[in-house]
């Protein structure tokens, strides 16, 4: 994974697991399926409207932090 990925950023927060419910004919019941979420949001600065943080995949780089971009470029 690239060191400039959002997942390595201290301000990035992963979204909770995704939960889906499906009918299982084997068990003749509804089954809960949990999968990890590879998306999250950058929470460095509180936005004016709620829930408007930049959303990215864990391996992406949102580019919101020029100081991190410069530090990573210098390395």
N, C-alpha and C. Protein backbone atom coordinates (compact mmCIF):
# COMPACT_ATOMS: atom_id res chain seq x y z
N UNK A 1 0.85 -1.18 0.00
CA UNK A 1 0.00 0.00 0.00
C UNK A 1 0.89 1.24 0.00
N UNK A 2 0.60 2.21 -0.81
CA UNK A 2 1.32 3.48 -0.87
C UNK A 2 1.28 4.16 0.49
N UNK A 3 2.41 4.71 0.94
CA UNK A 3 2.43 5.34 2.26
C UNK A 3 1.54 6.56 2.35
N UNK A 4 1.14 7.14 1.23
CA UNK A 4 0.25 8.29 1.26
C UNK A 4 -1.22 7.90 1.17
N UNK A 5 -1.54 6.68 1.50
CA UNK A 5 -2.94 6.23 1.46
C UNK A 5 -3.71 6.82 2.64
N UNK A 6 -4.98 7.08 2.44
CA UNK A 6 -5.80 7.65 3.51
C UNK A 6 -5.80 6.77 4.76
N UNK A 7 -5.72 5.45 4.59
CA UNK A 7 -5.74 4.55 5.74
C UNK A 7 -4.55 4.79 6.67
N UNK A 8 -3.48 5.42 6.17
CA UNK A 8 -2.32 5.71 7.01
C UNK A 8 -2.40 7.09 7.65
N UNK A 9 -3.41 7.85 7.31
CA UNK A 9 -3.55 9.23 7.80
C UNK A 9 -4.26 9.23 9.16
N UNK A 10 -3.74 9.99 10.13
CA UNK A 10 -4.36 10.00 11.47
C UNK A 10 -5.76 10.62 11.49
N UNK A 11 -6.12 11.38 10.45
CA UNK A 11 -7.44 12.02 10.43
C UNK A 11 -8.48 11.18 9.71
N UNK A 12 -8.07 10.06 9.11
CA UNK A 12 -9.01 9.22 8.36
C UNK A 12 -9.69 8.26 9.30
N UNK A 13 -10.99 8.11 9.14
CA UNK A 13 -11.76 7.21 10.00
C UNK A 13 -12.56 6.25 9.12
N UNK A 14 -12.34 4.94 9.33
CA UNK A 14 -13.04 3.92 8.53
C UNK A 14 -14.52 3.87 8.92
N UNK A 15 -15.37 3.71 7.93
CA UNK A 15 -16.79 3.53 8.19
C UNK A 15 -17.01 2.18 8.87
N UNK A 16 -18.10 2.04 9.62
CA UNK A 16 -18.38 0.74 10.27
C UNK A 16 -18.59 -0.36 9.25
N UNK A 17 -18.56 -1.59 9.73
CA UNK A 17 -18.82 -2.74 8.85
C UNK A 17 -20.16 -2.59 8.15
N UNK A 18 -20.23 -3.14 6.95
CA UNK A 18 -21.51 -3.18 6.24
C UNK A 18 -22.28 -4.40 6.72
N UNK A 19 -23.55 -4.21 7.00
CA UNK A 19 -24.39 -5.31 7.46
C UNK A 19 -25.52 -5.50 6.47
N UNK A 20 -25.67 -6.71 5.97
CA UNK A 20 -26.74 -7.04 5.05
C UNK A 20 -27.50 -8.24 5.61
N UNK A 21 -28.75 -8.30 5.27
CA UNK A 21 -29.57 -9.44 5.69
C UNK A 21 -30.09 -10.12 4.45
N UNK A 22 -29.90 -11.43 4.39
CA UNK A 22 -30.39 -12.22 3.24
C UNK A 22 -31.12 -13.44 3.76
N UNK A 23 -32.01 -13.91 2.94
CA UNK A 23 -32.76 -15.11 3.29
C UNK A 23 -31.94 -16.33 2.90
N UNK A 24 -31.76 -17.23 3.83
CA UNK A 24 -31.02 -18.46 3.57
C UNK A 24 -32.00 -19.61 3.50
N UNK A 25 -32.07 -20.26 2.35
CA UNK A 25 -32.98 -21.40 2.21
C UNK A 25 -32.43 -22.61 2.99
N UNK A 26 -31.11 -22.66 3.16
CA UNK A 26 -30.51 -23.76 3.93
C UNK A 26 -30.96 -23.71 5.39
N UNK A 27 -30.94 -22.53 5.97
CA UNK A 27 -31.31 -22.38 7.37
C UNK A 27 -32.78 -21.99 7.56
N UNK A 28 -33.43 -21.70 6.43
CA UNK A 28 -34.83 -21.28 6.44
C UNK A 28 -35.04 -20.09 7.39
N UNK A 29 -34.12 -19.14 7.29
CA UNK A 29 -34.16 -17.96 8.15
C UNK A 29 -33.36 -16.84 7.51
N UNK A 30 -33.52 -15.66 8.06
CA UNK A 30 -32.76 -14.52 7.62
C UNK A 30 -31.36 -14.57 8.26
N UNK A 31 -30.34 -14.35 7.44
CA UNK A 31 -28.96 -14.45 7.90
C UNK A 31 -28.30 -13.08 7.81
N UNK A 32 -27.55 -12.73 8.86
CA UNK A 32 -26.82 -11.47 8.87
C UNK A 32 -25.44 -11.69 8.26
N UNK A 33 -25.08 -10.84 7.31
CA UNK A 33 -23.77 -10.93 6.66
C UNK A 33 -23.04 -9.63 6.91
N UNK A 34 -21.86 -9.72 7.54
CA UNK A 34 -21.04 -8.54 7.83
C UNK A 34 -19.79 -8.56 6.97
N UNK A 35 -19.49 -7.43 6.35
CA UNK A 35 -18.26 -7.29 5.58
C UNK A 35 -17.56 -6.01 6.01
N UNK A 36 -16.24 -6.07 6.02
CA UNK A 36 -15.49 -4.88 6.41
C UNK A 36 -15.67 -3.80 5.35
N UNK A 37 -15.59 -2.57 5.77
CA UNK A 37 -15.78 -1.44 4.88
C UNK A 37 -14.42 -0.89 4.50
N UNK A 38 -14.18 -0.70 3.20
CA UNK A 38 -12.91 -0.14 2.78
C UNK A 38 -13.01 1.35 2.50
N UNK A 39 -14.13 1.94 2.89
CA UNK A 39 -14.31 3.38 2.73
C UNK A 39 -14.29 4.06 4.09
N UNK A 40 -13.95 5.34 4.08
CA UNK A 40 -13.94 6.12 5.30
C UNK A 40 -13.98 7.59 4.94
N UNK A 41 -13.81 8.43 5.95
CA UNK A 41 -13.85 9.86 5.70
C UNK A 41 -12.71 10.56 6.43
N UNK A 42 -12.26 11.65 5.85
CA UNK A 42 -11.21 12.46 6.44
C UNK A 42 -11.87 13.42 7.41
N UNK A 43 -11.49 13.34 8.68
CA UNK A 43 -12.14 14.16 9.70
C UNK A 43 -11.21 15.20 10.30
N UNK A 44 -10.32 15.73 9.50
CA UNK A 44 -9.37 16.71 10.05
C UNK A 44 -10.07 17.98 10.50
N UNK A 45 -10.93 18.54 9.66
CA UNK A 45 -11.60 19.79 10.00
C UNK A 45 -13.10 19.59 10.00
N UNK A 46 -13.78 20.09 11.03
CA UNK A 46 -15.25 19.97 11.02
C UNK A 46 -15.83 20.77 9.86
N UNK A 47 -16.65 20.17 9.06
CA UNK A 47 -17.26 20.91 7.94
C UNK A 47 -18.43 21.76 8.43
N UNK A 48 -18.81 22.74 7.63
CA UNK A 48 -19.97 23.58 7.98
C UNK A 48 -21.24 22.72 7.99
N UNK A 49 -21.61 22.09 6.86
CA UNK A 49 -22.79 21.19 6.93
C UNK A 49 -22.37 19.83 7.47
N UNK A 50 -23.17 19.23 8.33
CA UNK A 50 -22.81 17.92 8.87
C UNK A 50 -22.65 16.85 7.79
N UNK A 51 -21.78 15.91 8.04
CA UNK A 51 -21.54 14.75 7.18
C UNK A 51 -21.04 15.11 5.78
N UNK A 52 -20.23 16.15 5.70
CA UNK A 52 -19.68 16.55 4.41
C UNK A 52 -18.17 16.39 4.36
N UNK A 53 -17.62 15.43 5.13
CA UNK A 53 -16.20 15.16 5.09
C UNK A 53 -15.85 14.49 3.77
N UNK A 54 -14.61 14.67 3.28
CA UNK A 54 -14.22 13.93 2.06
C UNK A 54 -14.26 12.42 2.31
N UNK A 55 -14.90 11.67 1.43
CA UNK A 55 -15.01 10.22 1.56
C UNK A 55 -14.07 9.58 0.55
N UNK A 56 -13.28 8.60 1.03
CA UNK A 56 -12.32 7.93 0.15
C UNK A 56 -12.26 6.44 0.47
N UNK A 57 -11.65 5.70 -0.45
CA UNK A 57 -11.29 4.30 -0.18
C UNK A 57 -10.02 4.32 0.66
N UNK A 58 -9.77 3.24 1.41
CA UNK A 58 -8.60 3.20 2.28
C UNK A 58 -7.28 3.35 1.53
N UNK A 59 -7.22 2.89 0.30
CA UNK A 59 -5.98 2.96 -0.47
C UNK A 59 -5.81 4.25 -1.25
N UNK A 60 -6.80 5.12 -1.25
CA UNK A 60 -6.72 6.39 -1.96
C UNK A 60 -6.05 7.45 -1.08
N UNK A 61 -5.80 8.59 -1.67
CA UNK A 61 -5.26 9.73 -0.95
C UNK A 61 -6.14 10.92 -1.31
N UNK A 62 -6.85 11.48 -0.31
CA UNK A 62 -7.82 12.53 -0.60
C UNK A 62 -7.16 13.85 -0.96
N UNK A 63 -5.87 14.03 -0.62
CA UNK A 63 -5.16 15.25 -1.00
C UNK A 63 -5.56 16.45 -0.17
N UNK A 64 -6.22 16.25 0.94
CA UNK A 64 -6.68 17.36 1.78
C UNK A 64 -5.56 17.99 2.60
N UNK A 65 -4.41 17.33 2.70
CA UNK A 65 -3.37 17.80 3.61
C UNK A 65 -2.07 18.03 2.88
N UNK A 66 -1.86 19.26 2.36
CA UNK A 66 -0.64 19.54 1.58
C UNK A 66 0.64 19.25 2.36
N UNK A 67 0.64 19.48 3.69
CA UNK A 67 1.85 19.23 4.47
C UNK A 67 2.22 17.76 4.45
N UNK A 68 1.25 16.86 4.44
CA UNK A 68 1.54 15.43 4.36
C UNK A 68 2.02 15.09 2.95
N UNK A 69 1.42 15.71 1.94
CA UNK A 69 1.80 15.44 0.56
C UNK A 69 3.26 15.85 0.35
N UNK A 70 3.66 17.03 0.89
CA UNK A 70 5.04 17.50 0.74
C UNK A 70 6.00 16.60 1.50
N UNK A 71 5.63 16.18 2.72
CA UNK A 71 6.49 15.30 3.52
C UNK A 71 6.68 13.97 2.81
N UNK A 72 5.61 13.43 2.23
CA UNK A 72 5.69 12.14 1.54
C UNK A 72 6.52 12.28 0.27
N UNK A 73 6.41 13.44 -0.40
CA UNK A 73 7.18 13.67 -1.62
C UNK A 73 8.66 13.81 -1.36
N UNK A 74 9.00 14.35 -0.19
CA UNK A 74 10.41 14.54 0.17
C UNK A 74 11.08 13.25 0.60
N UNK A 75 10.28 12.26 0.99
CA UNK A 75 10.86 11.01 1.49
C UNK A 75 11.39 10.15 0.36
